[in-house]
Amino acid sequence: MFENVCTELRKYLETKPVFPVLLGFGHIILYVTVGFFFINAFTYLGNLVVSLLFYAFMVSVVLCVANKNFQALMIGFGVRVIICLINLFQGFFFEYGFLMDWSALFGILVYGFFAYEAYKKTLKKA
């Protein structure tokens, strides 16, 4: 059933002006944005850059879903879980003085769930 949604999403995106070109680059955009998020975990890139990266990440997730590229989604969401773990430990031990960063905890739960679902889809595909 979800594969039908992916197929219809791809058909819809192919009718839009920019998306047919971007469909082939969805996984590359995903890896680049996740890489910049990883860099942002250790250095400050700025709020504007991080906001633009988040929107690019969401567009790349939609492109990967349309292409049924669940392995790239699994890797992308898995790296986001690792980044949230880093943020959780940084906040717990360094920034907040043993207080929990709730946004990092919820990020671990949400991105972990999506990574697990993409992993299950990858296993079904193989």
PDB file of N, CA and C in Angstrom:
ATOM      1  N   MET A   1       0.812  -1.189   0.000  1.00  0.00           N
ATOM      2  CA  MET A   1       0.000   0.000   0.000  1.00  0.00           C
ATOM      3  C   MET A   1       0.864   1.265   0.000  1.00  0.00           C
ATOM      4  N   PHE A   2       1.904   1.291   0.822  1.00  0.00           N
ATOM      5  CA  PHE A   2       2.765   2.471   0.859  1.00  0.00           C
ATOM      6  C   PHE A   2       3.499   2.644  -0.466  1.00  0.00           C
ATOM      7  N   GLU A   3       3.783   1.533  -1.150  1.00  0.00           N
ATOM      8  CA  GLU A   3       4.439   1.625  -2.453  1.00  0.00           C
ATOM      9  C   GLU A   3       3.548   2.328  -3.468  1.00  0.00           C
ATOM     10  N   ASN A   4       2.223   2.135  -3.345  1.00  0.00           N
ATOM     11  CA  ASN A   4       1.295   2.843  -4.234  1.00  0.00           C
ATOM     12  C   ASN A   4       1.342   4.351  -3.983  1.00  0.00           C
ATOM     13  N   VAL A   5       1.450   4.729  -2.722  1.00  0.00           N
ATOM     14  CA  VAL A   5       1.572   6.148  -2.384  1.00  0.00           C
ATOM     15  C   VAL A   5       2.861   6.714  -2.968  1.00  0.00           C
ATOM     16  N   CYS A   6       3.947   5.945  -2.874  1.00  0.00           N
ATOM     17  CA  CYS A   6       5.230   6.392  -3.429  1.00  0.00           C
ATOM     18  C   CYS A   6       5.145   6.567  -4.941  1.00  0.00           C
ATOM     19  N   THR A   7       4.478   5.633  -5.597  1.00  0.00           N
ATOM     20  CA  THR A   7       4.334   5.714  -7.053  1.00  0.00           C
ATOM     21  C   THR A   7       3.502   6.933  -7.454  1.00  0.00           C
ATOM     22  N   GLU A   8       2.407   7.157  -6.754  1.00  0.00           N
ATOM     23  CA  GLU A   8       1.566   8.319  -7.064  1.00  0.00           C
ATOM     24  C   GLU A   8       2.278   9.632  -6.750  1.00  0.00           C
ATOM     25  N   LEU A   9       3.068   9.641  -5.682  1.00  0.00           N
ATOM     26  CA  LEU A   9       3.847  10.839  -5.360  1.00  0.00           C
ATOM     27  C   LEU A   9       4.853  11.132  -6.461  1.00  0.00           C
ATOM     28  N   ARG A  10       5.493  10.090  -6.976  1.00  0.00           N
ATOM     29  CA  ARG A  10       6.446  10.285  -8.071  1.00  0.00           C
ATOM     30  C   ARG A  10       5.741  10.830  -9.317  1.00  0.00           C
ATOM     31  N   LYS A  11       4.575  10.273  -9.640  1.00  0.00           N
ATOM     32  CA  LYS A  11       3.823  10.767 -10.795  1.00  0.00           C
ATOM     33  C   LYS A  11       3.442  12.236 -10.615  1.00  0.00           C
ATOM     34  N   TYR A  12       3.049  12.589  -9.393  1.00  0.00           N
ATOM     35  CA  TYR A  12       2.673  13.978  -9.120  1.00  0.00           C
ATOM     36  C   TYR A  12       3.874  14.907  -9.236  1.00  0.00           C
ATOM     37  N   LEU A  13       5.010  14.494  -8.674  1.00  0.00           N
ATOM     38  CA  LEU A  13       6.193  15.354  -8.708  1.00  0.00           C
ATOM     39  C   LEU A  13       6.758  15.504 -10.117  1.00  0.00           C
ATOM     40  N   GLU A  14       6.541  14.509 -10.967  1.00  0.00           N
ATOM     41  CA  GLU A  14       7.027  14.613 -12.344  1.00  0.00           C
ATOM     42  C   GLU A  14       6.268  15.657 -13.145  1.00  0.00           C
ATOM     43  N   THR A  15       5.083  16.040 -12.684  1.00  0.00           N
ATOM     44  CA  THR A  15       4.321  17.067 -13.403  1.00  0.00           C
ATOM     45  C   THR A  15       4.724  18.484 -13.004  1.00  0.00           C
ATOM     46  N   LYS A  16       5.452  18.631 -11.918  1.00  0.00           N
ATOM     47  CA  LYS A  16       5.878  19.952 -11.442  1.00  0.00           C
ATOM     48  C   LYS A  16       7.148  20.384 -12.167  1.00  0.00           C
ATOM     49  N   PRO A  17       7.409  21.692 -12.274  1.00  0.00           N
ATOM     50  CA  PRO A  17       8.508  22.158 -13.129  1.00  0.00           C
ATOM     51  C   PRO A  17       9.914  21.781 -12.666  1.00  0.00           C
ATOM     52  N   VAL A  18      10.218  21.828 -11.390  1.00  0.00           N
ATOM     53  CA  VAL A  18      11.599  21.637 -10.933  1.00  0.00           C
ATOM     54  C   VAL A  18      11.866  20.198 -10.503  1.00  0.00           C
ATOM     55  N   PHE A  19      10.856  19.523 -10.012  1.00  0.00           N
ATOM     56  CA  PHE A  19      11.064  18.238  -9.366  1.00  0.00           C
ATOM     57  C   PHE A  19      11.526  17.101 -10.275  1.00  0.00           C
ATOM     58  N   PRO A  20      11.175  17.049 -11.561  1.00  0.00           N
ATOM     59  CA  PRO A  20      11.727  15.952 -12.370  1.00  0.00           C
ATOM     60  C   PRO A  20      13.249  15.957 -12.429  1.00  0.00           C
ATOM     61  N   VAL A  21      13.842  17.131 -12.398  1.00  0.00           N
ATOM     62  CA  VAL A  21      15.306  17.218 -12.389  1.00  0.00           C
ATOM     63  C   VAL A  21      15.852  16.771 -11.037  1.00  0.00           C
ATOM     64  N   LEU A  22      15.171  17.151  -9.958  1.00  0.00           N
ATOM     65  CA  LEU A  22      15.649  16.839  -8.611  1.00  0.00           C
ATOM     66  C   LEU A  22      15.424  15.388  -8.203  1.00  0.00           C
ATOM     67  N   LEU A  23      14.530  14.670  -8.883  1.00  0.00           N
ATOM     68  CA  LEU A  23      14.230  13.297  -8.482  1.00  0.00           C
ATOM     69  C   LEU A  23      15.460  12.397  -8.514  1.00  0.00           C
ATOM     70  N   GLY A  24      16.346  12.620  -9.436  1.00  0.00           N
ATOM     71  CA  GLY A  24      17.555  11.803  -9.510  1.00  0.00           C
ATOM     72  C   GLY A  24      18.600  12.149  -8.472  1.00  0.00           C
ATOM     73  N   PHE A  25      18.462  13.320  -7.856  1.00  0.00           N
ATOM     74  CA  PHE A  25      19.462  13.775  -6.891  1.00  0.00           C
ATOM     75  C   PHE A  25      18.960  13.748  -5.453  1.00  0.00           C
ATOM     76  N   GLY A  26      17.865  13.078  -5.185  1.00  0.00           N
ATOM     77  CA  GLY A  26      17.280  13.083  -3.848  1.00  0.00           C
ATOM     78  C   GLY A  26      18.204  12.528  -2.787  1.00  0.00           C
ATOM     79  N   HIS A  27      18.836  11.408  -3.077  1.00  0.00           N
ATOM     80  CA  HIS A  27      19.726  10.806  -2.075  1.00  0.00           C
ATOM     81  C   HIS A  27      20.991  11.635  -1.878  1.00  0.00           C
ATOM     82  N   ILE A  28      21.464  12.288  -2.920  1.00  0.00           N
ATOM     83  CA  ILE A  28      22.656  13.131  -2.786  1.00  0.00           C
ATOM     84  C   ILE A  28      22.340  14.345  -1.912  1.00  0.00           C
ATOM     85  N   ILE A  29      21.184  14.966  -2.146  1.00  0.00           N
ATOM     86  CA  ILE A  29      20.776  16.100  -1.320  1.00  0.00           C
ATOM     87  C   ILE A  29      20.611  15.657   0.130  1.00  0.00           C
ATOM     88  N   LEU A  30      20.070  14.463   0.332  1.00  0.00           N
ATOM     89  CA  LEU A  30      19.895  13.936   1.686  1.00  0.00           C
ATOM     90  C   LEU A  30      21.232  13.761   2.387  1.00  0.00           C
ATOM     91  N   TYR A  31      22.198  13.165   1.702  1.00  0.00           N
ATOM     92  CA  TYR A  31      23.506  12.939   2.322  1.00  0.00           C
ATOM     93  C   TYR A  31      24.226  14.260   2.611  1.00  0.00           C
ATOM     94  N   VAL A  32      24.106  15.225   1.709  1.00  0.00           N
ATOM     95  CA  VAL A  32      24.777  16.516   1.914  1.00  0.00           C
ATOM     96  C   VAL A  32      24.161  17.260   3.099  1.00  0.00           C
ATOM     97  N   THR A  33      22.836  17.280   3.172  1.00  0.00           N
ATOM     98  CA  THR A  33      22.203  17.987   4.287  1.00  0.00           C
ATOM     99  C   THR A  33      22.502  17.312   5.619  1.00  0.00           C
ATOM    100  N   VAL A  34      22.502  15.989   5.644  1.00  0.00           N
ATOM    101  CA  VAL A  34      22.824  15.284   6.886  1.00  0.00           C
ATOM    102  C   VAL A  34      24.282  15.531   7.266  1.00  0.00           C
ATOM    103  N   GLY A  35      25.154  15.619   6.276  1.00  0.00           N
ATOM    104  CA  GLY A  35      26.556  15.932   6.560  1.00  0.00           C
ATOM    105  C   GLY A  35      26.717  17.310   7.179  1.00  0.00           C
ATOM    106  N   PHE A  36      25.981  18.283   6.657  1.00  0.00           N
ATOM    107  CA  PHE A  36      26.044  19.619   7.250  1.00  0.00           C
ATOM    108  C   PHE A  36      25.413  19.652   8.641  1.00  0.00           C
ATOM    109  N   PHE A  37      24.365  18.852   8.856  1.00  0.00           N
ATOM    110  CA  PHE A  37      23.812  18.751  10.211  1.00  0.00           C
ATOM    111  C   PHE A  37      24.837  18.164  11.173  1.00  0.00           C
ATOM    112  N   PHE A  38      25.619  17.197  10.694  1.00  0.00           N
ATOM    113  CA  PHE A  38      26.659  16.602  11.535  1.00  0.00           C
ATOM    114  C   PHE A  38      27.739  17.633  11.871  1.00  0.00           C
ATOM    115  N   ILE A  39      28.109  18.434  10.881  1.00  0.00           N
ATOM    116  CA  ILE A  39      29.079  19.511  11.137  1.00  0.00           C
ATOM    117  C   ILE A  39      28.496  20.508  12.133  1.00  0.00           C
ATOM    118  N   ASN A  40      27.197  20.791  12.001  1.00  0.00           N
ATOM    119  CA  ASN A  40      26.550  21.740  12.900  1.00  0.00           C
ATOM    120  C   ASN A  40      26.479  21.220  14.338  1.00  0.00           C
ATOM    121  N   ALA A  41      26.590  19.924  14.537  1.00  0.00           N
ATOM    122  CA  ALA A  41      26.577  19.381  15.897  1.00  0.00           C
ATOM    123  C   ALA A  41      27.817  19.813  16.673  1.00  0.00           C
ATOM    124  N   PHE A  42      28.899  20.134  15.969  1.00  0.00           N
ATOM    125  CA  PHE A  42      30.148  20.496  16.634  1.00  0.00           C
ATOM    126  C   PHE A  42      30.523  21.964  16.459  1.00  0.00           C
ATOM    127  N   THR A  43      30.055  22.590  15.393  1.00  0.00           N
ATOM    128  CA  THR A  43      30.324  24.009  15.157  1.00  0.00           C
ATOM    129  C   THR A  43      29.003  24.716  14.883  1.00  0.00           C
ATOM    130  N   TYR A  44      29.001  26.013  15.009  1.00  0.00           N
ATOM    131  CA  TYR A  44      27.790  26.796  14.810  1.00  0.00           C
ATOM    132  C   TYR A  44      27.752  27.311  13.376  1.00  0.00           C
ATOM    133  N   LEU A  45      26.752  26.866  12.612  1.00  0.00           N
ATOM    134  CA  LEU A  45      26.620  27.312  11.226  1.00  0.00           C
ATOM    135  C   LEU A  45      25.669  28.496  11.079  1.00  0.00           C
ATOM    136  N   GLY A  46      24.892  28.779  12.083  1.00  0.00           N
ATOM    137  CA  GLY A  46      23.944  29.887  12.015  1.00  0.00           C
ATOM    138  C   GLY A  46      22.522  29.386  11.852  1.00  0.00           C
ATOM    139  N   ASN A  47      21.596  30.164  12.358  1.00  0.00           N
ATOM    140  CA  ASN A  47      20.194  29.754  12.325  1.00  0.00           C
ATOM    141  C   ASN A  47      19.626  29.729  10.916  1.00  0.00           C
ATOM    142  N   LEU A  48      20.010  30.677  10.085  1.00  0.00           N
ATOM    143  CA  LEU A  48      19.501  30.712   8.718  1.00  0.00           C
ATOM    144  C   LEU A  48      19.973  29.495   7.935  1.00  0.00           C
ATOM    145  N   VAL A  49      21.234  29.151   8.073  1.00  0.00           N
ATOM    146  CA  VAL A  49      21.784  27.997   7.353  1.00  0.00           C
ATOM    147  C   VAL A  49      21.117  26.713   7.824  1.00  0.00           C
ATOM    148  N   VAL A  50      20.937  26.573   9.128  1.00  0.00           N
ATOM    149  CA  VAL A  50      20.318  25.362   9.665  1.00  0.00           C
ATOM    150  C   VAL A  50      18.852  25.270   9.237  1.00  0.00           C
ATOM    151  N   SER A  51      18.164  26.393   9.177  1.00  0.00           N
ATOM    152  CA  SER A  51      16.775  26.391   8.715  1.00  0.00           C
ATOM    153  C   SER A  51      16.684  25.980   7.249  1.00  0.00           C
ATOM    154  N   LEU A  52      17.558  26.518   6.421  1.00  0.00           N
ATOM    155  CA  LEU A  52      17.576  26.125   5.010  1.00  0.00           C
ATOM    156  C   LEU A  52      17.949  24.657   4.848  1.00  0.00           C
ATOM    157  N   LEU A  53      18.875  24.186   5.670  1.00  0.00           N
ATOM    158  CA  LEU A  53      19.246  22.769   5.635  1.00  0.00           C
ATOM    159  C   LEU A  53      18.071  21.879   6.020  1.00  0.00           C
ATOM    160  N   PHE A  54      17.293  22.315   6.997  1.00  0.00           N
ATOM    161  CA  PHE A  54      16.137  21.520   7.411  1.00  0.00           C
ATOM    162  C   PHE A  54      15.116  21.410   6.281  1.00  0.00           C
ATOM    163  N   TYR A  55      14.853  22.525   5.591  1.00  0.00           N
ATOM    164  CA  TYR A  55      13.919  22.472   4.467  1.00  0.00           C
ATOM    165  C   TYR A  55      14.465  21.608   3.334  1.00  0.00           C
ATOM    166  N   ALA A  56      15.754  21.705   3.060  1.00  0.00           N
ATOM    167  CA  ALA A  56      16.358  20.852   2.034  1.00  0.00           C
ATOM    168  C   ALA A  56      16.301  19.388   2.451  1.00  0.00           C
ATOM    169  N   PHE A  57      16.478  19.115   3.740  1.00  0.00           N
ATOM    170  CA  PHE A  57      16.380  17.748   4.248  1.00  0.00           C
ATOM    171  C   PHE A  57      14.971  17.195   4.034  1.00  0.00           C
ATOM    172  N   MET A  58      13.956  17.994   4.331  1.00  0.00           N
ATOM    173  CA  MET A  58      12.581  17.525   4.161  1.00  0.00           C
ATOM    174  C   MET A  58      12.238  17.304   2.684  1.00  0.00           C
ATOM    175  N   VAL A  59      12.720  18.186   1.815  1.00  0.00           N
ATOM    176  CA  VAL A  59      12.494  17.988   0.377  1.00  0.00           C
ATOM    177  C   VAL A  59      13.192  16.723  -0.093  1.00  0.00           C
ATOM    178  N   SER A  60      14.403  16.477   0.395  1.00  0.00           N
ATOM    179  CA  SER A  60      15.123  15.268  -0.013  1.00  0.00           C
ATOM    180  C   SER A  60      14.449  14.014   0.525  1.00  0.00           C
ATOM    181  N   VAL A  61      13.824  14.091   1.693  1.00  0.00           N
ATOM    182  CA  VAL A  61      13.066  12.942   2.205  1.00  0.00           C
ATOM    183  C   VAL A  61      11.888  12.651   1.282  1.00  0.00           C
ATOM    184  N   VAL A  62      11.186  13.679   0.852  1.00  0.00           N
ATOM    185  CA  VAL A  62      10.065  13.489  -0.074  1.00  0.00           C
ATOM    186  C   VAL A  62      10.562  12.904  -1.393  1.00  0.00           C
ATOM    187  N   LEU A  63      11.696  13.386  -1.886  1.00  0.00           N
ATOM    188  CA  LEU A  63      12.247  12.861  -3.137  1.00  0.00           C
ATOM    189  C   LEU A  63      12.659  11.400  -2.990  1.00  0.00           C
ATOM    190  N   CYS A  64      13.249  11.047  -1.868  1.00  0.00           N
ATOM    191  CA  CYS A  64      13.649   9.648  -1.654  1.00  0.00           C
ATOM    192  C   CYS A  64      12.435   8.743  -1.492  1.00  0.00           C
ATOM    193  N   VAL A  65      11.379   9.240  -0.868  1.00  0.00           N
ATOM    194  CA  VAL A  65      10.148   8.449  -0.762  1.00  0.00           C
ATOM    195  C   VAL A  65       9.547   8.254  -2.146  1.00  0.00           C
ATOM    196  N   ALA A  66       9.551   9.295  -2.965  1.00  0.00           N
ATOM    197  CA  ALA A  66       9.010   9.176  -4.320  1.00  0.00           C
ATOM    198  C   ALA A  66       9.818   8.196  -5.157  1.00  0.00           C
ATOM    199  N   ASN A  67      11.119   8.117  -4.918  1.00  0.00           N
ATOM    200  CA  ASN A  67      11.974   7.183  -5.656  1.00  0.00           C
ATOM    201  C   ASN A  67      12.025   5.799  -5.028  1.00  0.00           C
ATOM    202  N   LYS A  68      11.352   5.621  -3.889  1.00  0.00           N
ATOM    203  CA  LYS A  68      11.389   4.368  -3.122  1.00  0.00           C
ATOM    204  C   LYS A  68      12.817   4.002  -2.740  1.00  0.00           C
ATOM    205  N   ASN A  69      13.612   4.998  -2.412  1.00  0.00           N
ATOM    206  CA  ASN A  69      15.008   4.801  -2.012  1.00  0.00           C
ATOM    207  C   ASN A  69      15.061   4.726  -0.482  1.00  0.00           C
ATOM    208  N   PHE A  70      14.630   3.579   0.044  1.00  0.00           N
ATOM    209  CA  PHE A  70      14.514   3.429   1.490  1.00  0.00           C
ATOM    210  C   PHE A  70      15.865   3.244   2.158  1.00  0.00           C
ATOM    211  N   GLN A  71      16.852   2.774   1.423  1.00  0.00           N
ATOM    212  CA  GLN A  71      18.185   2.634   2.016  1.00  0.00           C
ATOM    213  C   GLN A  71      18.784   4.010   2.321  1.00  0.00           C
ATOM    214  N   ALA A  72      18.617   4.957   1.413  1.00  0.00           N
ATOM    215  CA  ALA A  72      19.102   6.317   1.675  1.00  0.00           C
ATOM    216  C   ALA A  72      18.344   6.941   2.842  1.00  0.00           C
ATOM    217  N   LEU A  73      17.040   6.681   2.930  1.00  0.00           N
ATOM    218  CA  LEU A  73      16.266   7.190   4.061  1.00  0.00           C
ATOM    219  C   LEU A  73      16.736   6.579   5.371  1.00  0.00           C
ATOM    220  N   MET A  74      17.045   5.285   5.343  1.00  0.00           N
ATOM    221  CA  MET A  74      17.536   4.615   6.547  1.00  0.00           C
ATOM    222  C   MET A  74      18.853   5.238   7.001  1.00  0.00           C
ATOM    223  N   ILE A  75      19.751   5.485   6.075  1.00  0.00           N
ATOM    224  CA  ILE A  75      21.039   6.092   6.422  1.00  0.00           C
ATOM    225  C   ILE A  75      20.838   7.528   6.904  1.00  0.00           C
ATOM    226  N   GLY A  76      20.026   8.295   6.198  1.00  0.00           N
ATOM    227  CA  GLY A  76      19.799   9.688   6.577  1.00  0.00           C
ATOM    228  C   GLY A  76      19.165   9.826   7.949  1.00  0.00           C
ATOM    229  N   PHE A  77      18.114   9.049   8.202  1.00  0.00           N
ATOM    230  CA  PHE A  77      17.473   9.123   9.515  1.00  0.00           C
ATOM    231  C   PHE A  77      18.365   8.543  10.602  1.00  0.00           C
ATOM    232  N   GLY A  78      19.151   7.524  10.267  1.00  0.00           N
ATOM    233  CA  GLY A  78      20.086   6.972  11.251  1.00  0.00           C
ATOM    234  C   GLY A  78      21.146   7.972  11.665  1.00  0.00           C
ATOM    235  N   VAL A  79      21.665   8.720  10.710  1.00  0.00           N
ATOM    236  CA  VAL A  79      22.651   9.757  11.044  1.00  0.00           C
ATOM    237  C   VAL A  79      21.992  10.868  11.854  1.00  0.00           C
ATOM    238  N   ARG A  80      20.736  11.180  11.550  1.00  0.00           N
ATOM    239  CA  ARG A  80      20.027  12.183  12.355  1.00  0.00           C
ATOM    240  C   ARG A  80      19.853  11.705  13.799  1.00  0.00           C
ATOM    241  N   VAL A  81      19.633  10.403  13.996  1.00  0.00           N
ATOM    242  CA  VAL A  81      19.555   9.860  15.358  1.00  0.00           C
ATOM    243  C   VAL A  81      20.894  10.024  16.059  1.00  0.00           C
ATOM    244  N   ILE A  82      21.985   9.745  15.360  1.00  0.00           N
ATOM    245  CA  ILE A  82      23.317   9.908  15.951  1.00  0.00           C
ATOM    246  C   ILE A  82      23.567  11.372  16.313  1.00  0.00           C
ATOM    247  N   ILE A  83      23.146  12.283  15.448  1.00  0.00           N
ATOM    248  CA  ILE A  83      23.305  13.714  15.734  1.00  0.00           C
ATOM    249  C   ILE A  83      22.486  14.110  16.961  1.00  0.00           C
ATOM    250  N   CYS A  84      21.272  13.584  17.068  1.00  0.00           N
ATOM    251  CA  CYS A  84      20.455  13.883  18.253  1.00  0.00           C
ATOM    252  C   CYS A  84      21.077  13.291  19.511  1.00  0.00           C
ATOM    253  N   LEU A  85      21.692  12.111  19.404  1.00  0.00           N
ATOM    254  CA  LEU A  85      22.404  11.538  20.551  1.00  0.00           C
ATOM    255  C   LEU A  85      23.573  12.424  20.968  1.00  0.00           C
ATOM    256  N   ILE A  86      24.306  12.929  19.991  1.00  0.00           N
ATOM    257  CA  ILE A  86      25.422  13.838  20.291  1.00  0.00           C
ATOM    258  C   ILE A  86      24.902  15.088  20.989  1.00  0.00           C
ATOM    259  N   ASN A  87      23.807  15.657  20.469  1.00  0.00           N
ATOM    260  CA  ASN A  87      23.228  16.851  21.095  1.00  0.00           C
ATOM    261  C   ASN A  87      22.727  16.557  22.504  1.00  0.00           C
ATOM    262  N   LEU A  88      22.165  15.364  22.701  1.00  0.00           N
ATOM    263  CA  LEU A  88      21.678  14.996  24.025  1.00  0.00           C
ATOM    264  C   LEU A  88      22.826  14.903  25.020  1.00  0.00           C
ATOM    265  N   PHE A  89      23.912  14.248  24.624  1.00  0.00           N
ATOM    266  CA  PHE A  89      25.049  14.112  25.526  1.00  0.00           C
ATOM    267  C   PHE A  89      25.771  15.442  25.738  1.00  0.00           C
ATOM    268  N   GLN A  90      25.851  16.259  24.691  1.00  0.00           N
ATOM    269  CA  GLN A  90      26.465  17.578  24.863  1.00  0.00           C
ATOM    270  C   GLN A  90      25.659  18.428  25.836  1.00  0.00           C
ATOM    271  N   GLY A  91      24.357  18.400  25.694  1.00  0.00           N
ATOM    272  CA  GLY A  91      23.525  19.175  26.599  1.00  0.00           C
ATOM    273  C   GLY A  91      23.523  18.623  28.006  1.00  0.00           C
ATOM    274  N   PHE A  92      23.561  17.304  28.120  1.00  0.00           N
ATOM    275  CA  PHE A  92      23.507  16.681  29.442  1.00  0.00           C
ATOM    276  C   PHE A  92      24.789  16.901  30.223  1.00  0.00           C
ATOM    277  N   PHE A  93      25.917  16.803  29.568  1.00  0.00           N
ATOM    278  CA  PHE A  93      27.183  16.873  30.289  1.00  0.00           C
ATOM    279  C   PHE A  93      27.836  18.256  30.273  1.00  0.00           C
ATOM    280  N   PHE A  94      27.573  19.066  29.245  1.00  0.00           N
ATOM    281  CA  PHE A  94      28.335  20.301  29.109  1.00  0.00           C
ATOM    282  C   PHE A  94      27.483  21.560  29.233  1.00  0.00           C
ATOM    283  N   GLU A  95      26.407  21.652  28.457  1.00  0.00           N
ATOM    284  CA  GLU A  95      25.695  22.921  28.354  1.00  0.00           C
ATOM    285  C   GLU A  95      24.745  23.176  29.515  1.00  0.00           C
ATOM    286  N   TYR A  96      23.934  22.198  29.871  1.00  0.00           N
ATOM    287  CA  TYR A  96      22.851  22.450  30.809  1.00  0.00           C
ATOM    288  C   TYR A  96      23.149  21.953  32.222  1.00  0.00           C
ATOM    289  N   GLY A  97      24.277  21.369  32.456  1.00  0.00           N
ATOM    290  CA  GLY A  97      24.613  20.910  33.788  1.00  0.00           C
ATOM    291  C   GLY A  97      23.727  19.775  34.265  1.00  0.00           C
ATOM    292  N   PHE A  98      23.739  18.686  33.567  1.00  0.00           N
ATOM    293  CA  PHE A  98      22.998  17.466  33.895  1.00  0.00           C
ATOM    294  C   PHE A  98      21.485  17.631  33.784  1.00  0.00           C
ATOM    295  N   LEU A  99      21.045  18.503  32.898  1.00  0.00           N
ATOM    296  CA  LEU A  99      19.636  18.604  32.564  1.00  0.00           C
ATOM    297  C   LEU A  99      19.431  18.019  31.178  1.00  0.00           C
ATOM    298  N   MET A 100      18.291  17.387  30.977  1.00  0.00           N
ATOM    299  CA  MET A 100      18.052  16.697  29.721  1.00  0.00           C
ATOM    300  C   MET A 100      17.561  17.664  28.648  1.00  0.00           C
ATOM    301  N   ASP A 101      18.074  17.511  27.439  1.00  0.00           N
ATOM    302  CA  ASP A 101      17.623  18.272  26.282  1.00  0.00           C
ATOM    303  C   ASP A 101      16.456  17.501  25.659  1.00  0.00           C
ATOM    304  N   TRP A 102      15.245  17.975  25.898  1.00  0.00           N
ATOM    305  CA  TRP A 102      14.067  17.232  25.475  1.00  0.00           C
ATOM    306  C   TRP A 102      13.917  17.184  23.957  1.00  0.00           C
ATOM    307  N   SER A 103      14.335  18.222  23.267  1.00  0.00           N
ATOM    308  CA  SER A 103      14.214  18.203  21.806  1.00  0.00           C
ATOM    309  C   SER A 103      15.109  17.125  21.205  1.00  0.00           C
ATOM    310  N   ALA A 104      16.280  16.915  21.786  1.00  0.00           N
ATOM    311  CA  ALA A 104      17.149  15.848  21.301  1.00  0.00           C
ATOM    312  C   ALA A 104      16.543  14.481  21.593  1.00  0.00           C
ATOM    313  N   LEU A 105      15.911  14.334  22.753  1.00  0.00           N
ATOM    314  CA  LEU A 105      15.282  13.058  23.097  1.00  0.00           C
ATOM    315  C   LEU A 105      14.130  12.742  22.152  1.00  0.00           C
ATOM    316  N   PHE A 106      13.286  13.733  21.878  1.00  0.00           N
ATOM    317  CA  PHE A 106      12.188  13.507  20.946  1.00  0.00           C
ATOM    318  C   PHE A 106      12.703  13.303  19.523  1.00  0.00           C
ATOM    319  N   GLY A 107      13.785  13.967  19.169  1.00  0.00           N
ATOM    320  CA  GLY A 107      14.403  13.729  17.868  1.00  0.00           C
ATOM    321  C   GLY A 107      14.890  12.300  17.734  1.00  0.00           C
ATOM    322  N   ILE A 108      15.469  11.759  18.803  1.00  0.00           N
ATOM    323  CA  ILE A 108      15.911  10.360  18.789  1.00  0.00           C
ATOM    324  C   ILE A 108      14.720   9.442  18.565  1.00  0.00           C
ATOM    325  N   LEU A 109      13.617   9.716  19.250  1.00  0.00           N
ATOM    326  CA  LEU A 109      12.436   8.862  19.110  1.00  0.00           C
ATOM    327  C   LEU A 109      11.833   8.938  17.708  1.00  0.00           C
ATOM    328  N   VAL A 110      11.663  10.147  17.192  1.00  0.00           N
ATOM    329  CA  VAL A 110      11.008  10.316  15.891  1.00  0.00           C
ATOM    330  C   VAL A 110      11.901   9.820  14.757  1.00  0.00           C
ATOM    331  N   TYR A 111      13.147  10.300  14.716  1.00  0.00           N
ATOM    332  CA  TYR A 111      14.040   9.877  13.645  1.00  0.00           C
ATOM    333  C   TYR A 111      14.391   8.398  13.768  1.00  0.00           C
ATOM    334  N   GLY A 112      14.461   7.896  14.992  1.00  0.00           N
ATOM    335  CA  GLY A 112      14.705   6.468  15.187  1.00  0.00           C
ATOM    336  C   GLY A 112      13.565   5.624  14.656  1.00  0.00           C
ATOM    337  N   PHE A 113      12.333   6.076  14.878  1.00  0.00           N
ATOM    338  CA  PHE A 113      11.182   5.357  14.344  1.00  0.00           C
ATOM    339  C   PHE A 113      11.215   5.329  12.822  1.00  0.00           C
ATOM    340  N   PHE A 114      11.481   6.477  12.208  1.00  0.00           N
ATOM    341  CA  PHE A 114      11.522   6.523  10.748  1.00  0.00           C
ATOM    342  C   PHE A 114      12.691   5.709  10.187  1.00  0.00           C
ATOM    343  N   ALA A 115      13.820   5.717  10.877  1.00  0.00           N
ATOM    344  CA  ALA A 115      14.958   4.904  10.438  1.00  0.00           C
ATOM    345  C   ALA A 115      14.614   3.424  10.521  1.00  0.00           C
ATOM    346  N   TYR A 116      13.919   3.027  11.579  1.00  0.00           N
ATOM    347  CA  TYR A 116      13.522   1.624  11.731  1.00  0.00           C
ATOM    348  C   TYR A 116      12.528   1.216  10.650  1.00  0.00           C
ATOM    349  N   GLU A 117      11.569   2.070  10.360  1.00  0.00           N
ATOM    350  CA  GLU A 117      10.597   1.758   9.307  1.00  0.00           C
ATOM    351  C   GLU A 117      11.273   1.672   7.941  1.00  0.00           C
ATOM    352  N   ALA A 118      12.216   2.556   7.673  1.00  0.00           N
ATOM    353  CA  ALA A 118      12.954   2.487   6.406  1.00  0.00           C
ATOM    354  C   ALA A 118      13.799   1.219   6.358  1.00  0.00           C
ATOM    355  N   TYR A 119      14.342   0.810   7.506  1.00  0.00           N
ATOM    356  CA  TYR A 119      15.112  -0.438   7.577  1.00  0.00           C
ATOM    357  C   TYR A 119      14.220  -1.634   7.261  1.00  0.00           C
ATOM    358  N   LYS A 120      13.006  -1.642   7.785  1.00  0.00           N
ATOM    359  CA  LYS A 120      12.081  -2.743   7.485  1.00  0.00           C
ATOM    360  C   LYS A 120      11.726  -2.770   6.002  1.00  0.00           C
ATOM    361  N   LYS A 121      11.530  -1.594   5.415  1.00  0.00           N
ATOM    362  CA  LYS A 121      11.230  -1.538   3.977  1.00  0.00           C
ATOM    363  C   LYS A 121      12.427  -2.011   3.152  1.00  0.00           C
ATOM    364  N   THR A 122      13.642  -1.698   3.613  1.00  0.00           N
ATOM    365  CA  THR A 122      14.841  -2.144   2.908  1.00  0.00           C
ATOM    366  C   THR A 122      14.952  -3.661   2.961  1.00  0.00           C
ATOM    367  N   LEU A 123      14.607  -4.259   4.101  1.00  0.00           N
ATOM    368  CA  LEU A 123      14.656  -5.716   4.215  1.00  0.00           C
ATOM    369  C   LEU A 123      13.614  -6.382   3.329  1.00  0.00           C
ATOM    370  N   LYS A 124      12.421  -5.786   3.222  1.00  0.00           N
ATOM    371  CA  LYS A 124      11.385  -6.343   2.356  1.00  0.00           C
ATOM    372  C   LYS A 124      11.794  -6.285   0.892  1.00  0.00           C
ATOM    373  N   LYS A 125      12.494  -5.216   0.537  1.00  0.00           N
ATOM    374  CA  LYS A 125      12.901  -5.021  -0.855  1.00  0.00           C
ATOM    375  C   LYS A 125      13.964  -6.032  -1.277  1.00  0.00           C
ATOM    376  N   ALA A 126      14.830  -6.423  -0.345  1.00  0.00           N
ATOM    377  CA  ALA A 126      15.941  -7.329  -0.657  1.00  0.00           C
ATOM    378  C   ALA A 126      15.516  -8.748  -0.713  1.00  0.00           C
TER     379      ALA A 126
END
